[in-house]
Amino acid sequence: MILPAQMSHIPDLAKLINSAYRGEASKKGWTTEADLLDGEIRTDEESLKELMEAGTFLIYTEANKLHGCVYLEKQGGKLYLGMLSVSPDVQARGIGSKLLAASEDYAMEENCNSIMMNVISRREELINWYERHGYKRAGTIKPFPSDNKFGTPVMPLEFIELEKILA
């Protein structure tokens, strides 16, 4: 089931997102950033609270257990998509695709004409996955944050912007 997250979901969201992107647990899945950034933390509860105040998270649950999420924030006529996360234990079961489809439905409901996101440019497998779902490289390259708040890059990193125009 996919539904909007509530503030009460924040502790579980933090655990899910961190397990999908960082640390040893993330290496069970294919979305890990553990080889690109040092540190166990991708996000924290305070940051998630701030994000929920600016946008929304959709969550995917089965049997009352959180298995996936995605962050969505309307920015003008576009929808920003971030932190698409699926627990490494249940990756490759279509949960990410379901969350992506729900994000596109949400964008249409919010009268957005496109969805945009930033992806670390070295994550070619992930970029290819988004491209198979209709996203295209927008040609914009953005610097990776230098504050190291949620990990220290172990190599030079940058973001590329992906965008999907909605009908």
C-alpha atoms as a PDB file:
ATOM      1  CA  MET A   1       0.000   0.000   0.000  1.00  0.00           C
ATOM      2  CA  ILE A   2       1.262   3.493  -0.884  1.00  0.00           C
ATOM      3  CA  LEU A   3       0.175   6.414   1.255  1.00  0.00           C
ATOM      4  CA  PRO A   4       1.457   9.782   2.494  1.00  0.00           C
ATOM      5  CA  ALA A   5       3.807   9.620   5.469  1.00  0.00           C
ATOM      6  CA  GLN A   6       2.940  11.221   8.782  1.00  0.00           C
ATOM      7  CA  MET A   7       5.354  12.876  11.211  1.00  0.00           C
ATOM      8  CA  SER A   8       5.099   9.705  13.317  1.00  0.00           C
ATOM      9  CA  HIS A   9       6.830   7.809  10.473  1.00  0.00           C
ATOM     10  CA  ILE A  10      10.037   9.880  10.717  1.00  0.00           C
ATOM     11  CA  PRO A  11      12.078   7.454  12.886  1.00  0.00           C
ATOM     12  CA  ASP A  12      11.251   4.548  10.562  1.00  0.00           C
ATOM     13  CA  LEU A  13      11.920   6.695   7.479  1.00  0.00           C
ATOM     14  CA  ALA A  14      15.383   7.571   8.798  1.00  0.00           C
ATOM     15  CA  LYS A  15      16.193   3.893   9.386  1.00  0.00           C
ATOM     16  CA  LEU A  16      14.910   2.887   5.949  1.00  0.00           C
ATOM     17  CA  ILE A  17      16.728   5.611   4.010  1.00  0.00           C
ATOM     18  CA  ASN A  18      20.001   5.089   5.851  1.00  0.00           C
ATOM     19  CA  SER A  19      19.819   1.306   5.339  1.00  0.00           C
ATOM     20  CA  ALA A  20      19.186   1.729   1.614  1.00  0.00           C
ATOM     21  CA  TYR A  21      22.078   4.097   0.955  1.00  0.00           C
ATOM     22  CA  ARG A  22      24.781   3.679   3.597  1.00  0.00           C
ATOM     23  CA  GLY A  23      26.662   1.180   5.680  1.00  0.00           C
ATOM     24  CA  GLU A  24      27.082  -2.557   5.314  1.00  0.00           C
ATOM     25  CA  ALA A  25      23.336  -3.230   5.196  1.00  0.00           C
ATOM     26  CA  SER A  26      23.018  -1.094   2.060  1.00  0.00           C
ATOM     27  CA  LYS A  27      25.498  -3.297   0.192  1.00  0.00           C
ATOM     28  CA  LYS A  28      22.851  -6.061   0.055  1.00  0.00           C
ATOM     29  CA  GLY A  29      20.981  -3.857  -2.416  1.00  0.00           C
ATOM     30  CA  TRP A  30      22.013  -2.097  -5.596  1.00  0.00           C
ATOM     31  CA  THR A  31      21.239   1.489  -4.510  1.00  0.00           C
ATOM     32  CA  THR A  32      24.086   1.863  -2.039  1.00  0.00           C
ATOM     33  CA  GLU A  33      26.244   4.969  -1.874  1.00  0.00           C
ATOM     34  CA  ALA A  34      28.587   3.299   0.626  1.00  0.00           C
ATOM     35  CA  ASP A  35      31.420   3.067  -1.909  1.00  0.00           C
ATOM     36  CA  LEU A  36      31.110   6.773  -2.763  1.00  0.00           C
ATOM     37  CA  LEU A  37      30.685   8.371   0.665  1.00  0.00           C
ATOM     38  CA  ASP A  38      32.113   7.579   4.078  1.00  0.00           C
ATOM     39  CA  GLY A  39      29.673   7.570   6.964  1.00  0.00           C
ATOM     40  CA  GLU A  40      26.659   5.595   8.100  1.00  0.00           C
ATOM     41  CA  ILE A  41      24.167   8.445   7.876  1.00  0.00           C
ATOM     42  CA  ARG A  42      22.385   9.572   4.692  1.00  0.00           C
ATOM     43  CA  THR A  43      19.827  11.625   6.598  1.00  0.00           C
ATOM     44  CA  ASP A  44      18.626  12.273  10.123  1.00  0.00           C
ATOM     45  CA  GLU A  45      15.274  12.783  11.799  1.00  0.00           C
ATOM     46  CA  GLU A  46      15.610  16.577  12.008  1.00  0.00           C
ATOM     47  CA  SER A  47      16.308  16.840   8.270  1.00  0.00           C
ATOM     48  CA  LEU A  48      13.344  14.585   7.501  1.00  0.00           C
ATOM     49  CA  LYS A  49      11.091  16.763   9.655  1.00  0.00           C
ATOM     50  CA  GLU A  50      12.206  19.828   7.687  1.00  0.00           C
ATOM     51  CA  LEU A  51      11.569  18.011   4.404  1.00  0.00           C
ATOM     52  CA  MET A  52       8.082  16.960   5.498  1.00  0.00           C
ATOM     53  CA  GLU A  53       7.296  20.578   6.299  1.00  0.00           C
ATOM     54  CA  ALA A  54       8.302  21.583   2.746  1.00  0.00           C
ATOM     55  CA  GLY A  55       6.920  18.596   0.830  1.00  0.00           C
ATOM     56  CA  THR A  56       5.683  15.077   1.387  1.00  0.00           C
ATOM     57  CA  PHE A  57       6.934  11.523   1.563  1.00  0.00           C
ATOM     58  CA  LEU A  58       4.989   8.689   0.028  1.00  0.00           C
ATOM     59  CA  ILE A  59       5.587   5.402   1.802  1.00  0.00           C
ATOM     60  CA  TYR A  60       5.171   1.809   0.650  1.00  0.00           C
ATOM     61  CA  THR A  61       4.065  -0.643   3.323  1.00  0.00           C
ATOM     62  CA  GLU A  62       3.208  -4.334   3.404  1.00  0.00           C
ATOM     63  CA  ALA A  63       1.787  -5.995   6.518  1.00  0.00           C
ATOM     64  CA  ASN A  64       2.272  -2.711   8.415  1.00  0.00           C
ATOM     65  CA  LYS A  65       6.019  -2.744   7.684  1.00  0.00           C
ATOM     66  CA  LEU A  66       7.722   0.155   5.896  1.00  0.00           C
ATOM     67  CA  HIS A  67       9.575  -1.110   2.804  1.00  0.00           C
ATOM     68  CA  GLY A  68       9.994   2.014   0.675  1.00  0.00           C
ATOM     69  CA  CYS A  69       9.578   5.765   0.400  1.00  0.00           C
ATOM     70  CA  VAL A  70      10.049   8.729  -1.892  1.00  0.00           C
ATOM     71  CA  TYR A  71      10.258  12.461  -1.143  1.00  0.00           C
ATOM     72  CA  LEU A  72       8.230  14.867  -3.309  1.00  0.00           C
ATOM     73  CA  GLU A  73       8.230  18.653  -3.293  1.00  0.00           C
ATOM     74  CA  LYS A  74       6.358  20.925  -5.673  1.00  0.00           C
ATOM     75  CA  GLN A  75       8.647  23.627  -7.062  1.00  0.00           C
ATOM     76  CA  GLY A  76       6.672  25.884  -9.351  1.00  0.00           C
ATOM     77  CA  GLY A  77       5.245  23.765 -12.173  1.00  0.00           C
ATOM     78  CA  LYS A  78       7.686  20.934 -11.499  1.00  0.00           C
ATOM     79  CA  LEU A  79       7.863  18.213  -8.897  1.00  0.00           C
ATOM     80  CA  TYR A  80      11.209  17.500  -7.267  1.00  0.00           C
ATOM     81  CA  LEU A  81      11.734  13.801  -6.467  1.00  0.00           C
ATOM     82  CA  GLY A  82      14.358  12.655  -3.994  1.00  0.00           C
ATOM     83  CA  MET A  83      15.345   9.878  -1.599  1.00  0.00           C
ATOM     84  CA  LEU A  84      13.572   7.110  -3.497  1.00  0.00           C
ATOM     85  CA  SER A  85      14.470   4.319  -1.093  1.00  0.00           C
ATOM     86  CA  VAL A  86      13.660   0.622  -0.883  1.00  0.00           C
ATOM     87  CA  SER A  87      14.865  -1.624   1.902  1.00  0.00           C
ATOM     88  CA  PRO A  88      17.818  -3.702   0.610  1.00  0.00           C
ATOM     89  CA  ASP A  89      16.025  -6.861   1.794  1.00  0.00           C
ATOM     90  CA  VAL A  90      13.156  -6.338  -0.673  1.00  0.00           C
ATOM     91  CA  GLN A  91      14.834  -4.606  -3.615  1.00  0.00           C
ATOM     92  CA  ALA A  92      14.217  -5.883  -7.158  1.00  0.00           C
ATOM     93  CA  ARG A  93      10.550  -6.665  -6.389  1.00  0.00           C
ATOM     94  CA  GLY A  94       9.040  -3.662  -8.183  1.00  0.00           C
ATOM     95  CA  ILE A  95       8.569  -1.467  -5.112  1.00  0.00           C
ATOM     96  CA  GLY A  96      10.712   1.340  -6.547  1.00  0.00           C
ATOM     97  CA  SER A  97       8.746   1.262  -9.805  1.00  0.00           C
ATOM     98  CA  LYS A  98       5.464   1.446  -7.862  1.00  0.00           C
ATOM     99  CA  LEU A  99       6.709   4.434  -5.870  1.00  0.00           C
ATOM    100  CA  LEU A 100       7.876   6.112  -9.072  1.00  0.00           C
ATOM    101  CA  ALA A 101       4.459   5.576 -10.691  1.00  0.00           C
ATOM    102  CA  ALA A 102       2.725   6.934  -7.577  1.00  0.00           C
ATOM    103  CA  SER A 103       5.030   9.972  -7.745  1.00  0.00           C
ATOM    104  CA  GLU A 104       3.977  10.595 -11.333  1.00  0.00           C
ATOM    105  CA  ASP A 105       0.296  10.334 -10.336  1.00  0.00           C
ATOM    106  CA  TYR A 106       0.968  12.785  -7.501  1.00  0.00           C
ATOM    107  CA  ALA A 107       2.660  15.190  -9.930  1.00  0.00           C
ATOM    108  CA  MET A 108      -0.346  15.119 -12.232  1.00  0.00           C
ATOM    109  CA  GLU A 109      -2.713  15.736  -9.288  1.00  0.00           C
ATOM    110  CA  GLU A 110      -0.572  18.733  -8.333  1.00  0.00           C
ATOM    111  CA  ASN A 111      -0.668  20.055 -11.938  1.00  0.00           C
ATOM    112  CA  CYS A 112       3.080  19.645 -12.415  1.00  0.00           C
ATOM    113  CA  ASN A 113       4.343  19.390 -15.985  1.00  0.00           C
ATOM    114  CA  SER A 114       7.500  17.458 -15.153  1.00  0.00           C
ATOM    115  CA  ILE A 115       9.426  15.620 -12.464  1.00  0.00           C
ATOM    116  CA  MET A 116      13.064  16.428 -11.828  1.00  0.00           C
ATOM    117  CA  MET A 117      15.724  14.893  -9.620  1.00  0.00           C
ATOM    118  CA  ASN A 118      19.438  15.017  -8.908  1.00  0.00           C
ATOM    119  CA  VAL A 119      21.488  11.817  -9.084  1.00  0.00           C
ATOM    120  CA  ILE A 120      25.178  11.358  -8.316  1.00  0.00           C
ATOM    121  CA  SER A 121      26.762  11.161 -11.768  1.00  0.00           C
ATOM    122  CA  ARG A 122      28.837   8.071 -10.894  1.00  0.00           C
ATOM    123  CA  ARG A 123      25.667   6.042 -10.262  1.00  0.00           C
ATOM    124  CA  GLU A 124      25.240   4.908 -13.859  1.00  0.00           C
ATOM    125  CA  GLU A 125      23.184   1.823 -12.965  1.00  0.00           C
ATOM    126  CA  LEU A 126      20.680   4.021 -11.130  1.00  0.00           C
ATOM    127  CA  ILE A 127      20.645   6.627 -13.906  1.00  0.00           C
ATOM    128  CA  ASN A 128      19.984   3.850 -16.423  1.00  0.00           C
ATOM    129  CA  TRP A 129      17.089   2.586 -14.274  1.00  0.00           C
ATOM    130  CA  TYR A 130      15.496   6.044 -14.295  1.00  0.00           C
ATOM    131  CA  GLU A 131      16.069   6.347 -18.050  1.00  0.00           C
ATOM    132  CA  ARG A 132      14.200   3.057 -18.561  1.00  0.00           C
ATOM    133  CA  HIS A 133      11.322   4.755 -16.722  1.00  0.00           C
ATOM    134  CA  GLY A 134      11.278   7.705 -19.126  1.00  0.00           C
ATOM    135  CA  TYR A 135      13.622  10.147 -17.385  1.00  0.00           C
ATOM    136  CA  LYS A 136      16.188  12.001 -19.470  1.00  0.00           C
ATOM    137  CA  ARG A 137      19.418  13.773 -18.651  1.00  0.00           C
ATOM    138  CA  ALA A 138      18.553  17.457 -18.518  1.00  0.00           C
ATOM    139  CA  GLY A 139      22.133  18.555 -19.212  1.00  0.00           C
ATOM    140  CA  THR A 140      22.525  20.285 -15.851  1.00  0.00           C
ATOM    141  CA  ILE A 141      25.465  19.384 -13.630  1.00  0.00           C
ATOM    142  CA  LYS A 142      25.478  20.556 -10.018  1.00  0.00           C
ATOM    143  CA  PRO A 143      28.301  20.451  -7.472  1.00  0.00           C
ATOM    144  CA  PHE A 144      28.096  17.955  -4.660  1.00  0.00           C
ATOM    145  CA  PRO A 145      27.610  19.732  -1.286  1.00  0.00           C
ATOM    146  CA  SER A 146      30.898  20.444   0.425  1.00  0.00           C
ATOM    147  CA  ASP A 147      29.550  20.544   3.992  1.00  0.00           C
ATOM    148  CA  ASN A 148      29.963  16.743   4.484  1.00  0.00           C
ATOM    149  CA  LYS A 149      26.827  16.831   6.653  1.00  0.00           C
ATOM    150  CA  PHE A 150      25.767  13.351   5.579  1.00  0.00           C
ATOM    151  CA  GLY A 151      28.996  11.725   4.504  1.00  0.00           C
ATOM    152  CA  THR A 152      32.398  12.544   3.147  1.00  0.00           C
ATOM    153  CA  PRO A 153      32.991  11.838  -0.543  1.00  0.00           C
ATOM    154  CA  VAL A 154      35.793   9.338  -1.117  1.00  0.00           C
ATOM    155  CA  MET A 155      36.198  10.678  -4.682  1.00  0.00           C
ATOM    156  CA  PRO A 156      35.101  13.796  -6.581  1.00  0.00           C
ATOM    157  CA  LEU A 157      31.302  13.760  -6.933  1.00  0.00           C
ATOM    158  CA  GLU A 158      28.713  15.831  -8.744  1.00  0.00           C
ATOM    159  CA  PHE A 159      24.994  15.615  -9.454  1.00  0.00           C
ATOM    160  CA  ILE A 160      23.310  15.397 -12.808  1.00  0.00           C
ATOM    161  CA  GLU A 161      19.719  16.444 -13.204  1.00  0.00           C
ATOM    162  CA  LEU A 162      17.204  14.020 -14.669  1.00  0.00           C
ATOM    163  CA  GLU A 163      13.757  15.096 -15.810  1.00  0.00           C
ATOM    164  CA  LYS A 164      10.608  13.456 -17.102  1.00  0.00           C
ATOM    165  CA  ILE A 165       8.094  15.564 -18.987  1.00  0.00           C
ATOM    166  CA  LEU A 166       4.545  14.511 -18.144  1.00  0.00           C
ATOM    167  CA  ALA A 167       1.763  14.382 -20.716  1.00  0.00           C
END
